[in-house]
Each structure stands twice: as C-alpha cells, then as structure tokens.
C-alpha cells in the first residue's frame, strides 16, 4: 500500500515477511528506481565500449540518477524565497 506510515506497516507485517521482501528487492528491484536500471546498464555498456584503453570501467550504478529527498525548508528559507519573488515581481522596489 502506497503512503502507509512505517509504524502501521510494521504492525501489519512480520519480521520474517519484511526480511523476505528485502531479499526479493535485492534480486528484483521495484519502486522509483527500477525503470532506470535497464537504462543505466545500456548507458554504461556504451560508455565502456567507447572508453580509452586503460581507463576505469563504468558501472551501471555510476549511471543511475541520484534520488534525494527534498530538504525541509525552515521558516527563514520560506521568507527568503518570498522576498526574492516579491523583489522579482516588483522590480526590486519596496
């Protein structure tokens, strides 16, 4: 179930089942990154076929996009963005 809180998921699943899912994910990845794996393999194969002799081979992991969680904005961050937008829309006039 998408969006289920961790505590709720852990109350519904046994340790054994969670471990089995972790092992399965290791063998057959799923989720947001899964569609990129085939592309990363293709890209690394092409890069390695065209790399200079004696250079380090590129691994598929090197070609995977890095998914980072967005940084939580502080109140000061939000005020700063609002000030920039206000300045941009008013041409810097206060």
PDB file of N, CA and C in Angstrom:
ATOM      1  N   UNK A   1       0.842  -1.172   0.000  1.00  0.00           N
ATOM      2  CA  UNK A   1       0.000   0.000   0.000  1.00  0.00           C
ATOM      3  C   UNK A   1       0.889   1.238   0.000  1.00  0.00           C
ATOM      4  N   UNK A   2       0.674   2.131  -0.949  1.00  0.00           N
ATOM      5  CA  UNK A   2       1.486   3.335  -1.048  1.00  0.00           C
ATOM      6  C   UNK A   2       1.119   4.321   0.040  1.00  0.00           C
ATOM      7  N   UNK A   3       2.130   4.988   0.569  1.00  0.00           N
ATOM      8  CA  UNK A   3       1.893   6.032   1.536  1.00  0.00           C
ATOM      9  C   UNK A   3       1.585   5.553   2.943  1.00  0.00           C
ATOM     10  N   UNK A   4       1.738   4.266   3.205  1.00  0.00           N
ATOM     11  CA  UNK A   4       1.457   3.751   4.534  1.00  0.00           C
ATOM     12  C   UNK A   4       2.578   4.167   5.487  1.00  0.00           C
ATOM     13  N   UNK A   5       2.234   4.706   6.657  1.00  0.00           N
ATOM     14  CA  UNK A   5       3.270   5.060   7.629  1.00  0.00           C
ATOM     15  C   UNK A   5       4.058   3.821   8.057  1.00  0.00           C
ATOM     16  N   UNK A   6       5.313   4.022   8.368  1.00  0.00           N
ATOM     17  CA  UNK A   6       6.199   2.910   8.730  1.00  0.00           C
ATOM     18  C   UNK A   6       5.647   2.138   9.925  1.00  0.00           C
ATOM     19  N   UNK A   7       5.193   2.840  10.950  1.00  0.00           N
ATOM     20  CA  UNK A   7       4.677   2.158  12.149  1.00  0.00           C
ATOM     21  C   UNK A   7       3.497   1.254  11.810  1.00  0.00           C
ATOM     22  N   UNK A   8       2.607   1.729  10.936  1.00  0.00           N
ATOM     23  CA  UNK A   8       1.461   0.913  10.539  1.00  0.00           C
ATOM     24  C   UNK A   8       1.912  -0.309   9.751  1.00  0.00           C
ATOM     25  N   UNK A   9       2.863  -0.104   8.823  1.00  0.00           N
ATOM     26  CA  UNK A   9       3.364  -1.219   8.036  1.00  0.00           C
ATOM     27  C   UNK A   9       4.000  -2.273   8.951  1.00  0.00           C
ATOM     28  N   UNK A  10       4.796  -1.820   9.914  1.00  0.00           N
ATOM     29  CA  UNK A  10       5.464  -2.767  10.807  1.00  0.00           C
ATOM     30  C   UNK A  10       4.468  -3.505  11.702  1.00  0.00           C
ATOM     31  N   UNK A  11       3.318  -2.887  11.986  1.00  0.00           N
ATOM     32  CA  UNK A  11       2.305  -3.567  12.804  1.00  0.00           C
ATOM     33  C   UNK A  11       1.556  -4.622  11.993  1.00  0.00           C
ATOM     34  N   UNK A  12       1.635  -4.529  10.659  1.00  0.00           N
ATOM     35  CA  UNK A  12       0.901  -5.460   9.797  1.00  0.00           C
ATOM     36  C   UNK A  12       1.767  -6.567   9.210  1.00  0.00           C
ATOM     37  N   UNK A  13       3.080  -6.449   9.318  1.00  0.00           N
ATOM     38  CA  UNK A  13       3.979  -7.390   8.652  1.00  0.00           C
ATOM     39  C   UNK A  13       4.928  -8.003   9.684  1.00  0.00           C
ATOM     40  N   UNK A  14       5.198  -9.292   9.522  1.00  0.00           N
ATOM     41  CA  UNK A  14       6.123  -9.950  10.447  1.00  0.00           C
ATOM     42  C   UNK A  14       7.565  -9.639  10.048  1.00  0.00           C
ATOM     43  N   UNK A  15       8.461  -9.859  10.980  1.00  0.00           N
ATOM     44  CA  UNK A  15       9.885  -9.655  10.709  1.00  0.00           C
ATOM     45  C   UNK A  15      10.336 -10.560   9.572  1.00  0.00           C
ATOM     46  N   UNK A  16       9.844 -11.782   9.573  1.00  0.00           N
ATOM     47  CA  UNK A  16      10.210 -12.741   8.519  1.00  0.00           C
ATOM     48  C   UNK A  16       9.759 -12.249   7.145  1.00  0.00           C
ATOM     49  N   UNK A  17       8.506 -11.773   7.052  1.00  0.00           N
ATOM     50  CA  UNK A  17       7.984 -11.310   5.769  1.00  0.00           C
ATOM     51  C   UNK A  17       8.741 -10.069   5.288  1.00  0.00           C
ATOM     52  N   UNK A  18       9.058  -9.164   6.217  1.00  0.00           N
ATOM     53  CA  UNK A  18       9.825  -7.971   5.862  1.00  0.00           C
ATOM     54  C   UNK A  18      11.199  -8.363   5.321  1.00  0.00           C
ATOM     55  N   UNK A  19      11.834  -9.329   5.978  1.00  0.00           N
ATOM     56  CA  UNK A  19      13.143  -9.812   5.523  1.00  0.00           C
ATOM     57  C   UNK A  19      13.035 -10.436   4.135  1.00  0.00           C
ATOM     58  N   UNK A  20      11.974 -11.204   3.903  1.00  0.00           N
ATOM     59  CA  UNK A  20      11.776 -11.812   2.587  1.00  0.00           C
ATOM     60  C   UNK A  20      11.600 -10.739   1.507  1.00  0.00           C
ATOM     61  N   UNK A  21      10.842  -9.670   1.818  1.00  0.00           N
ATOM     62  CA  UNK A  21      10.669  -8.576   0.859  1.00  0.00           C
ATOM     63  C   UNK A  21      11.997  -7.882   0.587  1.00  0.00           C
ATOM     64  N   UNK A  22      12.818  -7.710   1.612  1.00  0.00           N
ATOM     65  CA  UNK A  22      14.127  -7.072   1.435  1.00  0.00           C
ATOM     66  C   UNK A  22      15.022  -7.912   0.527  1.00  0.00           C
ATOM     67  N   UNK A  23      14.986  -9.223   0.713  1.00  0.00           N
ATOM     68  CA  UNK A  23      15.775 -10.130  -0.130  1.00  0.00           C
ATOM     69  C   UNK A  23      15.249 -10.089  -1.565  1.00  0.00           C
ATOM     70  N   UNK A  24      13.926 -10.118  -1.711  1.00  0.00           N
ATOM     71  CA  UNK A  24      13.318 -10.055  -3.044  1.00  0.00           C
ATOM     72  C   UNK A  24      13.711  -8.757  -3.744  1.00  0.00           C
ATOM     73  N   UNK A  25      13.677  -7.632  -3.026  1.00  0.00           N
ATOM     74  CA  UNK A  25      14.061  -6.347  -3.613  1.00  0.00           C
ATOM     75  C   UNK A  25      15.517  -6.391  -4.074  1.00  0.00           C
ATOM     76  N   UNK A  26      16.372  -7.086  -3.328  1.00  0.00           N
ATOM     77  CA  UNK A  26      17.771  -7.221  -3.721  1.00  0.00           C
ATOM     78  C   UNK A  26      17.929  -7.970  -5.038  1.00  0.00           C
ATOM     79  N   UNK A  27      17.019  -8.919  -5.293  1.00  0.00           N
ATOM     80  CA  UNK A  27      17.086  -9.706  -6.527  1.00  0.00           C
ATOM     81  C   UNK A  27      16.305  -9.054  -7.667  1.00  0.00           C
ATOM     82  N   UNK A  28      15.181  -8.453  -7.353  1.00  0.00           N
ATOM     83  CA  UNK A  28      14.281  -7.856  -8.357  1.00  0.00           C
ATOM     84  C   UNK A  28      13.832  -6.479  -7.865  1.00  0.00           C
ATOM     85  N   UNK A  29      14.659  -5.460  -8.064  1.00  0.00           N
ATOM     86  CA  UNK A  29      14.296  -4.129  -7.555  1.00  0.00           C
ATOM     87  C   UNK A  29      12.966  -3.626  -8.109  1.00  0.00           C
ATOM     88  N   UNK A  30      12.251  -2.906  -7.279  1.00  0.00           N
ATOM     89  CA  UNK A  30      10.982  -2.303  -7.673  1.00  0.00           C
ATOM     90  C   UNK A  30      10.919  -0.911  -7.063  1.00  0.00           C
ATOM     91  N   UNK A  31       9.957  -0.135  -7.475  1.00  0.00           N
ATOM     92  CA  UNK A  31       9.816   1.214  -6.942  1.00  0.00           C
ATOM     93  C   UNK A  31      10.327   2.255  -7.918  1.00  0.00           C
ATOM     94  N   UNK A  32      10.631   3.454  -7.418  1.00  0.00           N
ATOM     95  CA  UNK A  32      11.012   4.587  -8.264  1.00  0.00           C
ATOM     96  C   UNK A  32      12.277   4.356  -9.097  1.00  0.00           C
ATOM     97  N   UNK A  33      13.228   3.609  -8.580  1.00  0.00           N
ATOM     98  CA  UNK A  33      14.496   3.437  -9.287  1.00  0.00           C
ATOM     99  C   UNK A  33      14.465   2.324 -10.324  1.00  0.00           C
ATOM    100  N   UNK A  34      13.539   1.398 -10.220  1.00  0.00           N
ATOM    101  CA  UNK A  34      13.509   0.221 -11.092  1.00  0.00           C
ATOM    102  C   UNK A  34      13.542   0.550 -12.584  1.00  0.00           C
ATOM    103  N   UNK A  35      12.768   1.526 -13.075  1.00  0.00           N
ATOM    104  CA  UNK A  35      12.788   1.792 -14.518  1.00  0.00           C
ATOM    105  C   UNK A  35      14.141   2.278 -15.036  1.00  0.00           C
ATOM    106  N   UNK A  36      14.972   2.809 -14.168  1.00  0.00           N
ATOM    107  CA  UNK A  36      16.250   3.377 -14.593  1.00  0.00           C
ATOM    108  C   UNK A  36      17.373   2.347 -14.698  1.00  0.00           C
ATOM    109  N   UNK A  37      17.184   1.167 -14.132  1.00  0.00           N
ATOM    110  CA  UNK A  37      18.257   0.169 -14.094  1.00  0.00           C
ATOM    111  C   UNK A  37      18.663  -0.272 -15.499  1.00  0.00           C
ATOM    112  N   UNK A  38      17.684  -0.591 -16.340  1.00  0.00           N
ATOM    113  CA  UNK A  38      17.991  -1.021 -17.712  1.00  0.00           C
ATOM    114  C   UNK A  38      18.703   0.068 -18.496  1.00  0.00           C
ATOM    115  N   UNK A  39      18.268   1.306 -18.313  1.00  0.00           N
ATOM    116  CA  UNK A  39      18.914   2.427 -18.997  1.00  0.00           C
ATOM    117  C   UNK A  39      20.346   2.607 -18.505  1.00  0.00           C
ATOM    118  N   UNK A  40      20.560   2.423 -17.215  1.00  0.00           N
ATOM    119  CA  UNK A  40      21.909   2.564 -16.653  1.00  0.00           C
ATOM    120  C   UNK A  40      22.838   1.484 -17.199  1.00  0.00           C
ATOM    121  N   UNK A  41      22.329   0.267 -17.364  1.00  0.00           N
ATOM    122  CA  UNK A  41      23.128  -0.820 -17.927  1.00  0.00           C
ATOM    123  C   UNK A  41      23.500  -0.492 -19.373  1.00  0.00           C
ATOM    124  N   UNK A  42      22.514  -0.026 -20.144  1.00  0.00           N
ATOM    125  CA  UNK A  42      22.776   0.340 -21.543  1.00  0.00           C
ATOM    126  C   UNK A  42      23.790   1.474 -21.632  1.00  0.00           C
ATOM    127  N   UNK A  43      23.591   2.518 -20.829  1.00  0.00           N
ATOM    128  CA  UNK A  43      24.493   3.674 -20.862  1.00  0.00           C
ATOM    129  C   UNK A  43      25.920   3.282 -20.464  1.00  0.00           C
ATOM    130  N   UNK A  44      26.067   2.445 -19.445  1.00  0.00           N
ATOM    131  CA  UNK A  44      27.415   2.047 -19.022  1.00  0.00           C
ATOM    132  C   UNK A  44      28.075   1.153 -20.073  1.00  0.00           C
ATOM    133  N   UNK A  45      27.283   0.325 -20.755  1.00  0.00           N
ATOM    134  CA  UNK A  45      27.831  -0.523 -21.819  1.00  0.00           C
ATOM    135  C   UNK A  45      28.367   0.334 -22.962  1.00  0.00           C
ATOM    136  N   UNK A  46      27.591   1.327 -23.369  1.00  0.00           N
ATOM    137  CA  UNK A  46      28.026   2.224 -24.449  1.00  0.00           C
ATOM    138  C   UNK A  46      29.266   3.012 -24.024  1.00  0.00           C
ATOM    139  N   UNK A  47      29.246   3.521 -22.795  1.00  0.00           N
ATOM    140  CA  UNK A  47      30.400   4.291 -22.298  1.00  0.00           C
ATOM    141  C   UNK A  47      31.641   3.412 -22.236  1.00  0.00           C
ATOM    142  N   UNK A  48      31.497   2.187 -21.775  1.00  0.00           N
ATOM    143  CA  UNK A  48      32.650   1.293 -21.677  1.00  0.00           C
ATOM    144  C   UNK A  48      33.171   0.871 -23.051  1.00  0.00           C
ATOM    145  N   UNK A  49      32.277   0.726 -24.022  1.00  0.00           N
ATOM    146  CA  UNK A  49      32.703   0.367 -25.378  1.00  0.00           C
ATOM    147  C   UNK A  49      33.506   1.495 -26.024  1.00  0.00           C
ATOM    148  N   UNK A  50      33.282   2.719 -25.557  1.00  0.00           N
ATOM    149  CA  UNK A  50      33.944   3.884 -26.143  1.00  0.00           C
ATOM    150  C   UNK A  50      34.998   4.529 -25.239  1.00  0.00           C
ATOM    151  N   UNK A  51      35.304   3.893 -24.118  1.00  0.00           N
ATOM    152  CA  UNK A  51      36.287   4.500 -23.211  1.00  0.00           C
ATOM    153  C   UNK A  51      37.701   4.243 -23.701  1.00  0.00           C
ATOM    154  N   UNK A  52      38.617   5.086 -23.256  1.00  0.00           N
ATOM    155  CA  UNK A  52      40.015   4.928 -23.644  1.00  0.00           C
ATOM    156  C   UNK A  52      40.620   3.727 -22.942  1.00  0.00           C
ATOM    157  N   UNK A  53      41.542   3.097 -23.626  1.00  0.00           N
ATOM    158  CA  UNK A  53      42.227   1.933 -23.072  1.00  0.00           C
ATOM    159  C   UNK A  53      42.936   2.340 -21.783  1.00  0.00           C
ATOM    160  N   UNK A  54      42.806   1.511 -20.773  1.00  0.00           N
ATOM    161  CA  UNK A  54      43.479   1.757 -19.504  1.00  0.00           C
ATOM    162  C   UNK A  54      42.678   2.602 -18.522  1.00  0.00           C
ATOM    163  N   UNK A  55      41.513   3.105 -18.948  1.00  0.00           N
ATOM    164  CA  UNK A  55      40.680   3.876 -18.020  1.00  0.00           C
ATOM    165  C   UNK A  55      39.748   2.937 -17.260  1.00  0.00           C
ATOM    166  N   UNK A  56      39.294   3.408 -16.135  1.00  0.00           N
ATOM    167  CA  UNK A  56      38.458   2.610 -15.245  1.00  0.00           C
ATOM    168  C   UNK A  56      37.085   2.355 -15.884  1.00  0.00           C
ATOM    169  N   UNK A  57      36.610   1.094 -15.865  1.00  0.00           N
ATOM    170  CA  UNK A  57      35.280   0.799 -16.409  1.00  0.00           C
ATOM    171  C   UNK A  57      34.182   1.509 -15.603  1.00  0.00           C
ATOM    172  N   UNK A  58      33.120   1.848 -16.278  1.00  0.00           N
ATOM    173  CA  UNK A  58      31.982   2.495 -15.639  1.00  0.00           C
ATOM    174  C   UNK A  58      30.973   1.419 -15.271  1.00  0.00           C
ATOM    175  N   UNK A  59      30.484   1.481 -14.036  1.00  0.00           N
ATOM    176  CA  UNK A  59      29.489   0.518 -13.562  1.00  0.00           C
ATOM    177  C   UNK A  59      28.093   1.097 -13.801  1.00  0.00           C
ATOM    178  N   UNK A  60      27.089   0.230 -13.972  1.00  0.00           N
ATOM    179  CA  UNK A  60      25.720   0.734 -14.123  1.00  0.00           C
ATOM    180  C   UNK A  60      25.310   1.666 -12.976  1.00  0.00           C
ATOM    181  N   UNK A  61      25.777   1.387 -11.768  1.00  0.00           N
ATOM    182  CA  UNK A  61      25.443   2.228 -10.612  1.00  0.00           C
ATOM    183  C   UNK A  61      25.921   3.669 -10.816  1.00  0.00           C
ATOM    184  N   UNK A  62      27.024   3.824 -11.571  1.00  0.00           N
ATOM    185  CA  UNK A  62      27.561   5.160 -11.842  1.00  0.00           C
ATOM    186  C   UNK A  62      26.617   5.968 -12.730  1.00  0.00           C
ATOM    187  N   UNK A  63      25.763   5.291 -13.484  1.00  0.00           N
ATOM    188  CA  UNK A  63      24.867   5.955 -14.423  1.00  0.00           C
ATOM    189  C   UNK A  63      23.453   6.150 -13.865  1.00  0.00           C
ATOM    190  N   UNK A  64      23.218   5.665 -12.662  1.00  0.00           N
ATOM    191  CA  UNK A  64      21.891   5.796 -12.059  1.00  0.00           C
ATOM    192  C   UNK A  64      21.685   7.213 -11.546  1.00  0.00           C
ATOM    193  N   UNK A  65      20.498   7.786 -11.769  1.00  0.00           N
ATOM    194  CA  UNK A  65      20.230   9.099 -11.185  1.00  0.00           C
ATOM    195  C   UNK A  65      20.192   8.989  -9.670  1.00  0.00           C
ATOM    196  N   UNK A  66      20.589  10.040  -9.009  1.00  0.00           N
ATOM    197  CA  UNK A  66      20.590  10.063  -7.544  1.00  0.00           C
ATOM    198  C   UNK A  66      19.303  10.715  -7.074  1.00  0.00           C
ATOM    199  N   UNK A  67      18.483   9.950  -6.397  1.00  0.00           N
ATOM    200  CA  UNK A  67      17.226  10.474  -5.889  1.00  0.00           C
ATOM    201  C   UNK A  67      17.434  10.906  -4.447  1.00  0.00           C
ATOM    202  N   UNK A  68      17.342  12.199  -4.229  1.00  0.00           N
ATOM    203  CA  UNK A  68      17.494  12.730  -2.879  1.00  0.00           C
ATOM    204  C   UNK A  68      16.163  13.283  -2.422  1.00  0.00           C
ATOM    205  N   UNK A  69      15.900  13.094  -1.161  1.00  0.00           N
ATOM    206  CA  UNK A  69      14.671  13.652  -0.613  1.00  0.00           C
ATOM    207  C   UNK A  69      14.822  15.166  -0.531  1.00  0.00           C
ATOM    208  N   UNK A  70      13.750  15.881  -0.835  1.00  0.00           N
ATOM    209  CA  UNK A  70      13.858  17.332  -0.751  1.00  0.00           C
ATOM    210  C   UNK A  70      14.144  17.790   0.674  1.00  0.00           C
ATOM    211  N   UNK A  71      14.964  18.823   0.774  1.00  0.00           N
ATOM    212  CA  UNK A  71      15.317  19.376   2.072  1.00  0.00           C
ATOM    213  C   UNK A  71      14.093  20.057   2.662  1.00  0.00           C
ATOM    214  N   UNK A  72      13.856  19.847   3.941  1.00  0.00           N
ATOM    215  CA  UNK A  72      12.757  20.522   4.612  1.00  0.00           C
ATOM    216  C   UNK A  72      13.120  21.987   4.775  1.00  0.00           C
ATOM    217  N   UNK A  73      12.238  22.853   4.310  1.00  0.00           N
ATOM    218  CA  UNK A  73      12.509  24.282   4.393  1.00  0.00           C
ATOM    219  C   UNK A  73      12.201  24.809   5.789  1.00  0.00           C
ATOM    220  N   UNK A  74      13.078  25.680   6.247  1.00  0.00           N
ATOM    221  CA  UNK A  74      12.831  26.374   7.506  1.00  0.00           C
ATOM    222  C   UNK A  74      11.961  27.592   7.211  1.00  0.00           C
ATOM    223  N   UNK A  75      11.455  28.198   8.258  1.00  0.00           N
ATOM    224  CA  UNK A  75      10.667  29.427   8.092  1.00  0.00           C
ATOM    225  C   UNK A  75      11.516  30.501   7.437  1.00  0.00           C
ATOM    226  N   UNK A  76      12.782  30.608   7.831  1.00  0.00           N
ATOM    227  CA  UNK A  76      13.685  31.598   7.232  1.00  0.00           C
ATOM    228  C   UNK A  76      13.878  31.339   5.740  1.00  0.00           C
ATOM    229  N   UNK A  77      13.985  30.053   5.349  1.00  0.00           N
ATOM    230  CA  UNK A  77      14.106  29.708   3.928  1.00  0.00           C
ATOM    231  C   UNK A  77      12.884  30.190   3.157  1.00  0.00           C
ATOM    232  N   UNK A  78      11.703  29.940   3.700  1.00  0.00           N
ATOM    233  CA  UNK A  78      10.459  30.321   3.037  1.00  0.00           C
ATOM    234  C   UNK A  78      10.352  31.841   2.914  1.00  0.00           C
ATOM    235  N   UNK A  79      10.729  32.562   3.969  1.00  0.00           N
ATOM    236  CA  UNK A  79      10.692  34.029   3.931  1.00  0.00           C
ATOM    237  C   UNK A  79      11.676  34.541   2.883  1.00  0.00           C
ATOM    238  N   UNK A  80      12.848  33.925   2.803  1.00  0.00           N
ATOM    239  CA  UNK A  80      13.841  34.318   1.805  1.00  0.00           C
ATOM    240  C   UNK A  80      13.329  34.148   0.388  1.00  0.00           C
ATOM    241  N   UNK A  81      12.655  33.029   0.121  1.00  0.00           N
ATOM    242  CA  UNK A  81      12.084  32.784  -1.208  1.00  0.00           C
ATOM    243  C   UNK A  81      10.997  33.814  -1.499  1.00  0.00           C
ATOM    244  N   UNK A  82      10.144  34.075  -0.515  1.00  0.00           N
ATOM    245  CA  UNK A  82       9.080  35.067  -0.699  1.00  0.00           C
ATOM    246  C   UNK A  82       9.666  36.443  -1.008  1.00  0.00           C
ATOM    247  N   UNK A  83      10.751  36.810  -0.332  1.00  0.00           N
ATOM    248  CA  UNK A  83      11.395  38.102  -0.584  1.00  0.00           C
ATOM    249  C   UNK A  83      11.967  38.157  -2.004  1.00  0.00           C
ATOM    250  N   UNK A  84      12.580  37.056  -2.460  1.00  0.00           N
ATOM    251  CA  UNK A  84      13.133  37.034  -3.817  1.00  0.00           C
ATOM    252  C   UNK A  84      12.032  37.162  -4.859  1.00  0.00           C
ATOM    253  N   UNK A  85      10.926  36.446  -4.664  1.00  0.00           N
ATOM    254  CA  UNK A  85       9.813  36.504  -5.606  1.00  0.00           C
ATOM    255  C   UNK A  85       9.214  37.903  -5.602  1.00  0.00           C
ATOM    256  N   UNK A  86       9.037  38.489  -4.426  1.00  0.00           N
ATOM    257  CA  UNK A  86       8.474  39.839  -4.319  1.00  0.00           C
ATOM    258  C   UNK A  86       9.379  40.844  -5.026  1.00  0.00           C
ATOM    259  N   UNK A  87      10.682  40.724  -4.803  1.00  0.00           N
ATOM    260  CA  UNK A  87      11.635  41.630  -5.448  1.00  0.00           C
ATOM    261  C   UNK A  87      11.605  41.468  -6.972  1.00  0.00           C
ATOM    262  N   UNK A  88      11.509  40.229  -7.431  1.00  0.00           N
ATOM    263  CA  UNK A  88      11.482  39.965  -8.868  1.00  0.00           C
ATOM    264  C   UNK A  88      10.211  40.516  -9.508  1.00  0.00           C
ATOM    265  N   UNK A  89       9.097  40.385  -8.837  1.00  0.00           N
ATOM    266  CA  UNK A  89       7.815  40.838  -9.396  1.00  0.00           C
ATOM    267  C   UNK A  89       7.657  42.358  -9.325  1.00  0.00           C
ATOM    268  N   UNK A  90       8.290  42.968  -8.333  1.00  0.00           N
ATOM    269  CA  UNK A  90       8.142  44.419  -8.192  1.00  0.00           C
ATOM    270  C   UNK A  90       9.339  45.167  -8.772  1.00  0.00           C
ATOM    271  N   UNK A  91      10.238  44.446  -9.394  1.00  0.00           N
ATOM    272  CA  UNK A  91      11.406  45.071  -9.981  1.00  0.00           C
ATOM    273  C   UNK A  91      12.375  45.616  -8.948  1.00  0.00           C
ATOM    274  N   UNK A  92      12.364  45.038  -7.754  1.00  0.00           N
ATOM    275  CA  UNK A  92      13.284  45.463  -6.701  1.00  0.00           C
ATOM    276  C   UNK A  92      12.777  46.636  -5.889  1.00  0.00           C
ATOM    277  N   UNK A  93      11.596  47.164  -6.224  1.00  0.00           N
ATOM    278  CA  UNK A  93      11.028  48.284  -5.477  1.00  0.00           C
ATOM    279  C   UNK A  93      10.330  47.757  -4.235  1.00  0.00           C
ATOM    280  N   UNK A  94      10.464  48.487  -3.146  1.00  0.00           N
ATOM    281  CA  UNK A  94       9.827  48.065  -1.887  1.00  0.00           C
ATOM    282  C   UNK A  94       8.599  48.889  -1.614  1.00  0.00           C
TER     283      UNK A  94
END
